[in-house]
Amino acid sequence: MLGLEKHTLSFLLVVLQHDRMAHLAEIAEAFDSLLNERLGIVVAAVRSARPLEEQEKQELASALRARTGKQVEMTFALDPGLIAGVVAQVGSTIYDGSVRGRLERLRADLTR
């Protein structure tokens, strides 16, 4: 039916029967999160002042893999407010390698 696998169709029917179709996106997100956890994968949201070259992306992935001990899947977004550098967020942890972040840390150190 509809070209869906038996288990997928059964799952969707249960969701429909319990009037949860409006929550399907949240269910899928939670499933992805649990699957990534089981597979040892973390998702890193990376913001940079300019588009990163492939070698820079690979180096960043290696650095994040070393920090987290897990495989890293990255999403990228531009943020010109960073001036230069990158900020990577993995879960609730933020790795700030931006010029803006360095300047803010320097200001905080100088005002102590």
PDB file of N, CA and C in Angstrom:
ATOM      1  N   MET A   1       0.846  -1.179   0.000  1.00  0.00           N
ATOM      2  CA  MET A   1       0.000   0.000   0.000  1.00  0.00           C
ATOM      3  C   MET A   1       0.892   1.244   0.000  1.00  0.00           C
ATOM      4  N   LEU A   2       0.658   2.146  -0.891  1.00  0.00           N
ATOM      5  CA  LEU A   2       1.400   3.392  -1.038  1.00  0.00           C
ATOM      6  C   LEU A   2       2.891   3.179  -1.268  1.00  0.00           C
ATOM      7  N   GLY A   3       3.309   1.948  -1.536  1.00  0.00           N
ATOM      8  CA  GLY A   3       4.718   1.670  -1.753  1.00  0.00           C
ATOM      9  C   GLY A   3       5.548   1.743  -0.484  1.00  0.00           C
ATOM     10  N   LEU A   4       4.923   1.636   0.679  1.00  0.00           N
ATOM     11  CA  LEU A   4       5.640   1.714   1.955  1.00  0.00           C
ATOM     12  C   LEU A   4       5.934   0.322   2.486  1.00  0.00           C
ATOM     13  N   GLU A   5       7.008   0.204   3.237  1.00  0.00           N
ATOM     14  CA  GLU A   5       7.330  -1.045   3.919  1.00  0.00           C
ATOM     15  C   GLU A   5       6.239  -1.335   4.951  1.00  0.00           C
ATOM     16  N   LYS A   6       6.071  -2.616   5.266  1.00  0.00           N
ATOM     17  CA  LYS A   6       5.032  -3.046   6.208  1.00  0.00           C
ATOM     18  C   LYS A   6       5.156  -2.342   7.559  1.00  0.00           C
ATOM     19  N   HIS A   7       6.381  -2.260   8.105  1.00  0.00           N
ATOM     20  CA  HIS A   7       6.582  -1.646   9.420  1.00  0.00           C
ATOM     21  C   HIS A   7       6.311  -0.143   9.379  1.00  0.00           C
ATOM     22  N   THR A   8       6.701   0.489   8.291  1.00  0.00           N
ATOM     23  CA  THR A   8       6.463   1.925   8.145  1.00  0.00           C
ATOM     24  C   THR A   8       4.972   2.207   8.098  1.00  0.00           C
ATOM     25  N   LEU A   9       4.256   1.430   7.314  1.00  0.00           N
ATOM     26  CA  LEU A   9       2.811   1.604   7.209  1.00  0.00           C
ATOM     27  C   LEU A   9       2.135   1.363   8.558  1.00  0.00           C
ATOM     28  N   SER A  10       2.548   0.319   9.275  1.00  0.00           N
ATOM     29  CA  SER A  10       1.963   0.030  10.598  1.00  0.00           C
ATOM     30  C   SER A  10       2.224   1.190  11.556  1.00  0.00           C
ATOM     31  N   PHE A  11       3.447   1.713  11.530  1.00  0.00           N
ATOM     32  CA  PHE A  11       3.791   2.835  12.398  1.00  0.00           C
ATOM     33  C   PHE A  11       2.903   4.043  12.085  1.00  0.00           C
ATOM     34  N   LEU A  12       2.770   4.375  10.811  1.00  0.00           N
ATOM     35  CA  LEU A  12       1.952   5.531  10.428  1.00  0.00           C
ATOM     36  C   LEU A  12       0.480   5.347  10.808  1.00  0.00           C
ATOM     37  N   LEU A  13      -0.012   4.123  10.704  1.00  0.00           N
ATOM     38  CA  LEU A  13      -1.397   3.869  11.110  1.00  0.00           C
ATOM     39  C   LEU A  13      -1.581   4.076  12.617  1.00  0.00           C
ATOM     40  N   VAL A  14      -0.603   3.660  13.422  1.00  0.00           N
ATOM     41  CA  VAL A  14      -0.664   3.878  14.874  1.00  0.00           C
ATOM     42  C   VAL A  14      -0.648   5.371  15.172  1.00  0.00           C
ATOM     43  N   VAL A  15       0.227   6.116  14.502  1.00  0.00           N
ATOM     44  CA  VAL A  15       0.310   7.562  14.701  1.00  0.00           C
ATOM     45  C   VAL A  15      -1.038   8.202  14.339  1.00  0.00           C
ATOM     46  N   LEU A  16      -1.607   7.783  13.236  1.00  0.00           N
ATOM     47  CA  LEU A  16      -2.894   8.320  12.790  1.00  0.00           C
ATOM     48  C   LEU A  16      -4.017   7.961  13.764  1.00  0.00           C
ATOM     49  N   GLN A  17      -4.046   6.722  14.218  1.00  0.00           N
ATOM     50  CA  GLN A  17      -5.091   6.276  15.150  1.00  0.00           C
ATOM     51  C   GLN A  17      -5.040   7.038  16.471  1.00  0.00           C
ATOM     52  N   HIS A  18      -3.852   7.460  16.867  1.00  0.00           N
ATOM     53  CA  HIS A  18      -3.711   8.189  18.125  1.00  0.00           C
ATOM     54  C   HIS A  18      -3.698   9.700  17.909  1.00  0.00           C
ATOM     55  N   ASP A  19      -4.117  10.111  16.725  1.00  0.00           N
ATOM     56  CA  ASP A  19      -4.259  11.533  16.393  1.00  0.00           C
ATOM     57  C   ASP A  19      -2.969  12.315  16.664  1.00  0.00           C
ATOM     58  N   ARG A  20      -1.845  11.771  16.166  1.00  0.00           N
ATOM     59  CA  ARG A  20      -0.545  12.397  16.392  1.00  0.00           C
ATOM     60  C   ARG A  20       0.154  12.820  15.099  1.00  0.00           C
ATOM     61  N   MET A  21      -0.569  12.883  13.999  1.00  0.00           N
ATOM     62  CA  MET A  21       0.042  13.242  12.714  1.00  0.00           C
ATOM     63  C   MET A  21       0.669  14.641  12.765  1.00  0.00           C
ATOM     64  N   ALA A  22       0.107  15.530  13.558  1.00  0.00           N
ATOM     65  CA  ALA A  22       0.665  16.883  13.674  1.00  0.00           C
ATOM     66  C   ALA A  22       2.049  16.856  14.320  1.00  0.00           C
ATOM     67  N   HIS A  23       2.379  15.759  14.994  1.00  0.00           N
ATOM     68  CA  HIS A  23       3.675  15.628  15.687  1.00  0.00           C
ATOM     69  C   HIS A  23       4.669  14.758  14.908  1.00  0.00           C
ATOM     70  N   LEU A  24       4.346  14.429  13.674  1.00  0.00           N
ATOM     71  CA  LEU A  24       5.188  13.510  12.912  1.00  0.00           C
ATOM     72  C   LEU A  24       6.599  14.047  12.723  1.00  0.00           C
ATOM     73  N   ALA A  25       6.750  15.337  12.490  1.00  0.00           N
ATOM     74  CA  ALA A  25       8.095  15.910  12.323  1.00  0.00           C
ATOM     75  C   ALA A  25       8.905  15.765  13.615  1.00  0.00           C
ATOM     76  N   GLU A  26       8.274  15.996  14.760  1.00  0.00           N
ATOM     77  CA  GLU A  26       8.962  15.843  16.048  1.00  0.00           C
ATOM     78  C   GLU A  26       9.334  14.388  16.300  1.00  0.00           C
ATOM     79  N   ILE A  27       8.454  13.474  15.916  1.00  0.00           N
ATOM     80  CA  ILE A  27       8.722  12.048  16.086  1.00  0.00           C
ATOM     81  C   ILE A  27       9.926  11.651  15.235  1.00  0.00           C
ATOM     82  N   ALA A  28       9.961  12.121  14.000  1.00  0.00           N
ATOM     83  CA  ALA A  28      11.073  11.805  13.102  1.00  0.00           C
ATOM     84  C   ALA A  28      12.383  12.379  13.635  1.00  0.00           C
ATOM     85  N   GLU A  29      12.330  13.599  14.176  1.00  0.00           N
ATOM     86  CA  GLU A  29      13.528  14.225  14.750  1.00  0.00           C
ATOM     87  C   GLU A  29      14.037  13.434  15.948  1.00  0.00           C
ATOM     88  N   ALA A  30      13.129  12.995  16.810  1.00  0.00           N
ATOM     89  CA  ALA A  30      13.516  12.201  17.982  1.00  0.00           C
ATOM     90  C   ALA A  30      14.114  10.862  17.543  1.00  0.00           C
ATOM     91  N   PHE A  31      13.529  10.256  16.516  1.00  0.00           N
ATOM     92  CA  PHE A  31      14.055   8.996  15.990  1.00  0.00           C
ATOM     93  C   PHE A  31      15.469   9.198  15.454  1.00  0.00           C
ATOM     94  N   ASP A  32      15.685  10.256  14.676  1.00  0.00           N
ATOM     95  CA  ASP A  32      17.023  10.551  14.149  1.00  0.00           C
ATOM     96  C   ASP A  32      18.023  10.745  15.279  1.00  0.00           C
ATOM     97  N   SER A  33      17.611  11.451  16.312  1.00  0.00           N
ATOM     98  CA  SER A  33      18.495  11.698  17.447  1.00  0.00           C
ATOM     99  C   SER A  33      18.881  10.393  18.136  1.00  0.00           C
ATOM    100  N   LEU A  34      17.923   9.517  18.377  1.00  0.00           N
ATOM    101  CA  LEU A  34      18.210   8.226  19.016  1.00  0.00           C
ATOM    102  C   LEU A  34      19.085   7.344  18.133  1.00  0.00           C
ATOM    103  N   LEU A  35      18.814   7.362  16.832  1.00  0.00           N
ATOM    104  CA  LEU A  35      19.612   6.565  15.909  1.00  0.00           C
ATOM    105  C   LEU A  35      21.056   7.058  15.882  1.00  0.00           C
ATOM    106  N   ASN A  36      21.242   8.372  15.808  1.00  0.00           N
ATOM    107  CA  ASN A  36      22.596   8.934  15.829  1.00  0.00           C
ATOM    108  C   ASN A  36      23.328   8.559  17.111  1.00  0.00           C
ATOM    109  N   GLU A  37      22.619   8.619  18.233  1.00  0.00           N
ATOM    110  CA  GLU A  37      23.236   8.267  19.513  1.00  0.00           C
ATOM    111  C   GLU A  37      23.712   6.819  19.505  1.00  0.00           C
ATOM    112  N   ARG A  38      22.888   5.934  19.001  1.00  0.00           N
ATOM    113  CA  ARG A  38      23.258   4.518  18.928  1.00  0.00           C
ATOM    114  C   ARG A  38      24.422   4.262  17.986  1.00  0.00           C
ATOM    115  N   LEU A  39      24.490   5.057  16.902  1.00  0.00           N
ATOM    116  CA  LEU A  39      25.550   4.879  15.913  1.00  0.00           C
ATOM    117  C   LEU A  39      26.820   5.653  16.259  1.00  0.00           C
ATOM    118  N   GLY A  40      26.777   6.421  17.361  1.00  0.00           N
ATOM    119  CA  GLY A  40      27.951   7.194  17.768  1.00  0.00           C
ATOM    120  C   GLY A  40      28.201   8.404  16.889  1.00  0.00           C
ATOM    121  N   ILE A  41      27.124   9.043  16.476  1.00  0.00           N
ATOM    122  CA  ILE A  41      27.223  10.218  15.600  1.00  0.00           C
ATOM    123  C   ILE A  41      26.683  11.436  16.345  1.00  0.00           C
ATOM    124  N   VAL A  42      27.405  12.557  16.234  1.00  0.00           N
ATOM    125  CA  VAL A  42      26.908  13.824  16.763  1.00  0.00           C
ATOM    126  C   VAL A  42      26.724  14.784  15.589  1.00  0.00           C
ATOM    127  N   VAL A  43      25.797  15.698  15.748  1.00  0.00           N
ATOM    128  CA  VAL A  43      25.542  16.703  14.717  1.00  0.00           C
ATOM    129  C   VAL A  43      26.124  18.023  15.199  1.00  0.00           C
ATOM    130  N   ALA A  44      26.932  18.635  14.360  1.00  0.00           N
ATOM    131  CA  ALA A  44      27.549  19.922  14.683  1.00  0.00           C
ATOM    132  C   ALA A  44      26.979  20.981  13.754  1.00  0.00           C
ATOM    133  N   ALA A  45      26.399  22.028  14.354  1.00  0.00           N
ATOM    134  CA  ALA A  45      25.929  23.179  13.584  1.00  0.00           C
ATOM    135  C   ALA A  45      27.081  24.169  13.530  1.00  0.00           C
ATOM    136  N   VAL A  46      27.615  24.383  12.340  1.00  0.00           N
ATOM    137  CA  VAL A  46      28.801  25.214  12.162  1.00  0.00           C
ATOM    138  C   VAL A  46      28.410  26.525  11.498  1.00  0.00           C
ATOM    139  N   ARG A  47      28.816  27.627  12.132  1.00  0.00           N
ATOM    140  CA  ARG A  47      28.628  28.961  11.543  1.00  0.00           C
ATOM    141  C   ARG A  47      29.999  29.524  11.235  1.00  0.00           C
ATOM    142  N   SER A  48      30.119  30.133  10.054  1.00  0.00           N
ATOM    143  CA  SER A  48      31.394  30.725   9.670  1.00  0.00           C
ATOM    144  C   SER A  48      31.153  32.067   8.990  1.00  0.00           C
ATOM    145  N   ALA A  49      32.189  32.898   9.022  1.00  0.00           N
ATOM    146  CA  ALA A  49      32.084  34.227   8.427  1.00  0.00           C
ATOM    147  C   ALA A  49      32.061  34.159   6.905  1.00  0.00           C
ATOM    148  N   ARG A  50      32.651  33.090   6.361  1.00  0.00           N
ATOM    149  CA  ARG A  50      32.695  32.909   4.911  1.00  0.00           C
ATOM    150  C   ARG A  50      32.545  31.418   4.617  1.00  0.00           C
ATOM    151  N   PRO A  51      32.213  31.080   3.383  1.00  0.00           N
ATOM    152  CA  PRO A  51      32.113  29.645   3.059  1.00  0.00           C
ATOM    153  C   PRO A  51      33.455  28.947   3.293  1.00  0.00           C
ATOM    154  N   LEU A  52      33.398  27.775   3.899  1.00  0.00           N
ATOM    155  CA  LEU A  52      34.616  27.010   4.186  1.00  0.00           C
ATOM    156  C   LEU A  52      34.993  26.161   2.980  1.00  0.00           C
ATOM    157  N   GLU A  53      36.300  26.047   2.755  1.00  0.00           N
ATOM    158  CA  GLU A  53      36.796  25.173   1.708  1.00  0.00           C
ATOM    159  C   GLU A  53      36.742  23.735   2.195  1.00  0.00           C
ATOM    160  N   GLU A  54      36.784  22.790   1.278  1.00  0.00           N
ATOM    161  CA  GLU A  54      36.652  21.370   1.628  1.00  0.00           C
ATOM    162  C   GLU A  54      37.722  20.934   2.627  1.00  0.00           C
ATOM    163  N   GLN A  55      38.947  21.374   2.455  1.00  0.00           N
ATOM    164  CA  GLN A  55      40.015  21.002   3.386  1.00  0.00           C
ATOM    165  C   GLN A  55      39.736  21.551   4.784  1.00  0.00           C
ATOM    166  N   GLU A  56      39.208  22.762   4.875  1.00  0.00           N
ATOM    167  CA  GLU A  56      38.864  23.353   6.178  1.00  0.00           C
ATOM    168  C   GLU A  56      37.751  22.553   6.844  1.00  0.00           C
ATOM    169  N   LYS A  57      36.780  22.114   6.055  1.00  0.00           N
ATOM    170  CA  LYS A  57      35.691  21.297   6.594  1.00  0.00           C
ATOM    171  C   LYS A  57      36.234  19.979   7.144  1.00  0.00           C
ATOM    172  N   GLN A  58      37.162  19.361   6.408  1.00  0.00           N
ATOM    173  CA  GLN A  58      37.748  18.100   6.853  1.00  0.00           C
ATOM    174  C   GLN A  58      38.559  18.279   8.134  1.00  0.00           C
ATOM    175  N   GLU A  59      39.322  19.376   8.206  1.00  0.00           N
ATOM    176  CA  GLU A  59      40.102  19.645   9.416  1.00  0.00           C
ATOM    177  C   GLU A  59      39.197  19.899  10.611  1.00  0.00           C
ATOM    178  N   LEU A  60      38.108  20.629  10.384  1.00  0.00           N
ATOM    179  CA  LEU A  60      37.153  20.898  11.460  1.00  0.00           C
ATOM    180  C   LEU A  60      36.491  19.605  11.918  1.00  0.00           C
ATOM    181  N   ALA A  61      36.110  18.759  10.977  1.00  0.00           N
ATOM    182  CA  ALA A  61      35.499  17.468  11.327  1.00  0.00           C
ATOM    183  C   ALA A  61      36.473  16.625  12.158  1.00  0.00           C
ATOM    184  N   SER A  62      37.739  16.621  11.783  1.00  0.00           N
ATOM    185  CA  SER A  62      38.749  15.863  12.539  1.00  0.00           C
ATOM    186  C   SER A  62      38.897  16.409  13.952  1.00  0.00           C
ATOM    187  N   ALA A  63      38.931  17.738  14.078  1.00  0.00           N
ATOM    188  CA  ALA A  63      39.072  18.355  15.405  1.00  0.00           C
ATOM    189  C   ALA A  63      37.856  18.042  16.276  1.00  0.00           C
ATOM    190  N   LEU A  64      36.660  18.122  15.711  1.00  0.00           N
ATOM    191  CA  LEU A  64      35.451  17.833  16.487  1.00  0.00           C
ATOM    192  C   LEU A  64      35.365  16.344  16.834  1.00  0.00           C
ATOM    193  N   ARG A  65      35.807  15.495  15.923  1.00  0.00           N
ATOM    194  CA  ARG A  65      35.830  14.052  16.194  1.00  0.00           C
ATOM    195  C   ARG A  65      36.783  13.760  17.357  1.00  0.00           C
ATOM    196  N   ALA A  66      37.917  14.446  17.391  1.00  0.00           N
ATOM    197  CA  ALA A  66      38.876  14.263  18.489  1.00  0.00           C
ATOM    198  C   ALA A  66      38.290  14.756  19.812  1.00  0.00           C
ATOM    199  N   ARG A  67      37.565  15.866  19.774  1.00  0.00           N
ATOM    200  CA  ARG A  67      36.970  16.420  21.006  1.00  0.00           C
ATOM    201  C   ARG A  67      35.833  15.564  21.538  1.00  0.00           C
ATOM    202  N   THR A  68      34.986  15.067  20.632  1.00  0.00           N
ATOM    203  CA  THR A  68      33.776  14.359  21.058  1.00  0.00           C
ATOM    204  C   THR A  68      33.954  12.857  21.152  1.00  0.00           C
ATOM    205  N   GLY A  69      34.943  12.327  20.431  1.00  0.00           N
ATOM    206  CA  GLY A  69      35.124  10.882  20.392  1.00  0.00           C
ATOM    207  C   GLY A  69      34.076  10.186  19.558  1.00  0.00           C
ATOM    208  N   LYS A  70      33.367  10.936  18.725  1.00  0.00           N
ATOM    209  CA  LYS A  70      32.295  10.377  17.898  1.00  0.00           C
ATOM    210  C   LYS A  70      32.434  10.861  16.461  1.00  0.00           C
ATOM    211  N   GLN A  71      31.745  10.169  15.566  1.00  0.00           N
ATOM    212  CA  GLN A  71      31.674  10.637  14.185  1.00  0.00           C
ATOM    213  C   GLN A  71      30.849  11.926  14.165  1.00  0.00           C
ATOM    214  N   VAL A  72      31.174  12.826  13.248  1.00  0.00           N
ATOM    215  CA  VAL A  72      30.533  14.135  13.232  1.00  0.00           C
ATOM    216  C   VAL A  72      29.854  14.373  11.889  1.00  0.00           C
ATOM    217  N   GLU A  73      28.590  14.761  11.952  1.00  0.00           N
ATOM    218  CA  GLU A  73      27.873  15.245  10.778  1.00  0.00           C
ATOM    219  C   GLU A  73      27.711  16.746  10.972  1.00  0.00           C
ATOM    220  N   MET A  74      28.078  17.520   9.961  1.00  0.00           N
ATOM    221  CA  MET A  74      28.060  18.970  10.111  1.00  0.00           C
ATOM    222  C   MET A  74      27.038  19.609   9.177  1.00  0.00           C
ATOM    223  N   THR A  75      26.389  20.644   9.705  1.00  0.00           N
ATOM    224  CA  THR A  75      25.570  21.523   8.881  1.00  0.00           C
ATOM    225  C   THR A  75      26.254  22.882   8.902  1.00  0.00           C
ATOM    226  N   PHE A  76      26.157  23.622   7.809  1.00  0.00           N
ATOM    227  CA  PHE A  76      26.891  24.873   7.680  1.00  0.00           C
ATOM    228  C   PHE A  76      25.955  26.040   7.425  1.00  0.00           C
ATOM    229  N   ALA A  77      26.290  27.187   8.035  1.00  0.00           N
ATOM    230  CA  ALA A  77      25.559  28.431   7.810  1.00  0.00           C
ATOM    231  C   ALA A  77      26.552  29.583   7.856  1.00  0.00           C
ATOM    232  N   LEU A  78      26.271  30.620   7.092  1.00  0.00           N
ATOM    233  CA  LEU A  78      27.121  31.807   7.096  1.00  0.00           C
ATOM    234  C   LEU A  78      26.642  32.781   8.154  1.00  0.00           C
ATOM    235  N   ASP A  79      27.595  33.419   8.851  1.00  0.00           N
ATOM    236  CA  ASP A  79      27.308  34.429   9.863  1.00  0.00           C
ATOM    237  C   ASP A  79      28.368  35.516   9.756  1.00  0.00           C
ATOM    238  N   PRO A  80      28.126  36.540   8.914  1.00  0.00           N
ATOM    239  CA  PRO A  80      29.124  37.591   8.721  1.00  0.00           C
ATOM    240  C   PRO A  80      29.477  38.336  10.002  1.00  0.00           C
ATOM    241  N   GLY A  81      28.643  38.274  11.025  1.00  0.00           N
ATOM    242  CA  GLY A  81      28.909  38.937  12.290  1.00  0.00           C
ATOM    243  C   GLY A  81      30.084  38.345  13.043  1.00  0.00           C
ATOM    244  N   LEU A  82      30.555  37.182  12.627  1.00  0.00           N
ATOM    245  CA  LEU A  82      31.684  36.551  13.306  1.00  0.00           C
ATOM    246  C   LEU A  82      33.014  37.212  12.951  1.00  0.00           C
ATOM    247  N   ILE A  83      33.045  38.034  11.939  1.00  0.00           N
ATOM    248  CA  ILE A  83      34.237  38.702  11.412  1.00  0.00           C
ATOM    249  C   ILE A  83      35.117  37.689  10.686  1.00  0.00           C
ATOM    250  N   ALA A  84      35.590  36.670  11.398  1.00  0.00           N
ATOM    251  CA  ALA A  84      36.386  35.584  10.817  1.00  0.00           C
ATOM    252  C   ALA A  84      36.319  34.405  11.762  1.00  0.00           C
ATOM    253  N   GLY A  85      36.679  33.222  11.280  1.00  0.00           N
ATOM    254  CA  GLY A  85      36.673  32.035  12.121  1.00  0.00           C
ATOM    255  C   GLY A  85      35.363  31.286  12.071  1.00  0.00           C
ATOM    256  N   VAL A  86      35.216  30.324  12.985  1.00  0.00           N
ATOM    257  CA  VAL A  86      34.020  29.487  13.022  1.00  0.00           C
ATOM    258  C   VAL A  86      33.536  29.297  14.455  1.00  0.00           C
ATOM    259  N   VAL A  87      32.249  28.993  14.555  1.00  0.00           N
ATOM    260  CA  VAL A  87      31.634  28.585  15.811  1.00  0.00           C
ATOM    261  C   VAL A  87      30.908  27.281  15.516  1.00  0.00           C
ATOM    262  N   ALA A  88      31.174  26.255  16.310  1.00  0.00           N
ATOM    263  CA  ALA A  88      30.522  24.958  16.130  1.00  0.00           C
ATOM    264  C   ALA A  88      29.754  24.614  17.393  1.00  0.00           C
ATOM    265  N   GLN A  89      28.504  24.222  17.223  1.00  0.00           N
ATOM    266  CA  GLN A  89      27.690  23.802  18.361  1.00  0.00           C
ATOM    267  C   GLN A  89      27.364  22.329  18.211  1.00  0.00           C
ATOM    268  N   VAL A  90      27.761  21.566  19.229  1.00  0.00           N
ATOM    269  CA  VAL A  90      27.479  20.140  19.290  1.00  0.00           C
ATOM    270  C   VAL A  90      26.634  19.929  20.531  1.00  0.00           C
ATOM    271  N   GLY A  91      25.357  19.687  20.330  1.00  0.00           N
ATOM    272  CA  GLY A  91      24.444  19.595  21.466  1.00  0.00           C
ATOM    273  C   GLY A  91      24.407  20.936  22.182  1.00  0.00           C
ATOM    274  N   SER A  92      24.694  20.942  23.460  1.00  0.00           N
ATOM    275  CA  SER A  92      24.688  22.200  24.220  1.00  0.00           C
ATOM    276  C   SER A  92      26.090  22.793  24.365  1.00  0.00           C
ATOM    277  N   THR A  93      27.083  22.151  23.764  1.00  0.00           N
ATOM    278  CA  THR A  93      28.462  22.629  23.849  1.00  0.00           C
ATOM    279  C   THR A  93      28.800  23.489  22.638  1.00  0.00           C
ATOM    280  N   ILE A  94      29.380  24.659  22.911  1.00  0.00           N
ATOM    281  CA  ILE A  94      29.757  25.579  21.836  1.00  0.00           C
ATOM    282  C   ILE A  94      31.273  25.713  21.806  1.00  0.00           C
ATOM    283  N   TYR A  95      31.855  25.464  20.641  1.00  0.00           N
ATOM    284  CA  TYR A  95      33.285  25.652  20.401  1.00  0.00           C
ATOM    285  C   TYR A  95      33.421  26.927  19.583  1.00  0.00           C
ATOM    286  N   ASP A  96      33.938  27.978  20.207  1.00  0.00           N
ATOM    287  CA  ASP A  96      33.993  29.293  19.570  1.00  0.00           C
ATOM    288  C   ASP A  96      35.414  29.609  19.135  1.00  0.00           C
ATOM    289  N   GLY A  97      35.660  29.528  17.843  1.00  0.00           N
ATOM    290  CA  GLY A  97      36.957  29.863  17.283  1.00  0.00           C
ATOM    291  C   GLY A  97      36.865  31.097  16.405  1.00  0.00           C
ATOM    292  N   SER A  98      35.913  31.976  16.725  1.00  0.00           N
ATOM    293  CA  SER A  98      35.711  33.174  15.912  1.00  0.00           C
ATOM    294  C   SER A  98      36.523  34.344  16.463  1.00  0.00           C
ATOM    295  N   VAL A  99      36.808  35.293  15.606  1.00  0.00           N
ATOM    296  CA  VAL A  99      37.498  36.511  16.050  1.00  0.00           C
ATOM    297  C   VAL A  99      36.611  37.257  17.030  1.00  0.00           C
ATOM    298  N   ARG A 100      35.327  37.301  16.749  1.00  0.00           N
ATOM    299  CA  ARG A 100      34.398  37.981  17.647  1.00  0.00           C
ATOM    300  C   ARG A 100      34.440  37.364  19.047  1.00  0.00           C
ATOM    301  N   GLY A 101      34.451  36.033  19.113  1.00  0.00           N
ATOM    302  CA  GLY A 101      34.533  35.344  20.399  1.00  0.00           C
ATOM    303  C   GLY A 101      35.829  35.628  21.127  1.00  0.00           C
ATOM    304  N   ARG A 102      36.919  35.645  20.385  1.00  0.00           N
ATOM    305  CA  ARG A 102      38.221  35.951  21.002  1.00  0.00           C
ATOM    306  C   ARG A 102      38.243  37.367  21.557  1.00  0.00           C
ATOM    307  N   LEU A 103      37.681  38.300  20.797  1.00  0.00           N
ATOM    308  CA  LEU A 103      37.636  39.690  21.271  1.00  0.00           C
ATOM    309  C   LEU A 103      36.779  39.814  22.535  1.00  0.00           C
ATOM    310  N   GLU A 104      35.667  39.109  22.586  1.00  0.00           N
ATOM    311  CA  GLU A 104      34.812  39.152  23.772  1.00  0.00           C
ATOM    312  C   GLU A 104      35.518  38.549  24.984  1.00  0.00           C
ATOM    313  N   ARG A 105      36.267  37.459  24.775  1.00  0.00           N
ATOM    314  CA  ARG A 105      37.014  36.854  25.889  1.00  0.00           C
ATOM    315  C   ARG A 105      38.126  37.785  26.356  1.00  0.00           C
ATOM    316  N   LEU A 106      38.788  38.458  25.421  1.00  0.00           N
ATOM    317  CA  LEU A 106      39.831  39.405  25.766  1.00  0.00           C
ATOM    318  C   LEU A 106      39.253  40.568  26.575  1.00  0.00           C
ATOM    319  N   ARG A 107      38.085  41.085  26.134  1.00  0.00           N
ATOM    320  CA  ARG A 107      37.434  42.175  26.862  1.00  0.00           C
ATOM    321  C   ARG A 107      37.083  41.739  28.272  1.00  0.00           C
ATOM    322  N   ALA A 108      36.572  40.527  28.426  1.00  0.00           N
ATOM    323  CA  ALA A 108      36.214  40.017  29.747  1.00  0.00           C
ATOM    324  C   ALA A 108      37.452  39.885  30.631  1.00  0.00           C
ATOM    325  N   ASP A 109      38.553  39.416  30.065  1.00  0.00           N
ATOM    326  CA  ASP A 109      39.799  39.285  30.831  1.00  0.00           C
ATOM    327  C   ASP A 109      40.322  40.644  31.267  1.00  0.00           C
ATOM    328  N   LEU A 110      40.220  41.644  30.399  1.00  0.00           N
ATOM    329  CA  LEU A 110      40.757  42.970  30.700  1.00  0.00           C
ATOM    330  C   LEU A 110      39.912  43.721  31.743  1.00  0.00           C
ATOM    331  N   THR A 111      38.635  43.394  31.858  1.00  0.00           N
ATOM    332  CA  THR A 111      37.763  44.098  32.789  1.00  0.00           C
ATOM    333  C   THR A 111      37.720  43.439  34.165  1.00  0.00           C
ATOM    334  N   ARG A 112      38.472  42.382  34.368  1.00  0.00           N
ATOM    335  CA  ARG A 112      38.493  41.701  35.680  1.00  0.00           C
ATOM    336  C   ARG A 112      39.352  42.437  36.648  1.00  0.00           C
TER     337      ARG A 112
END
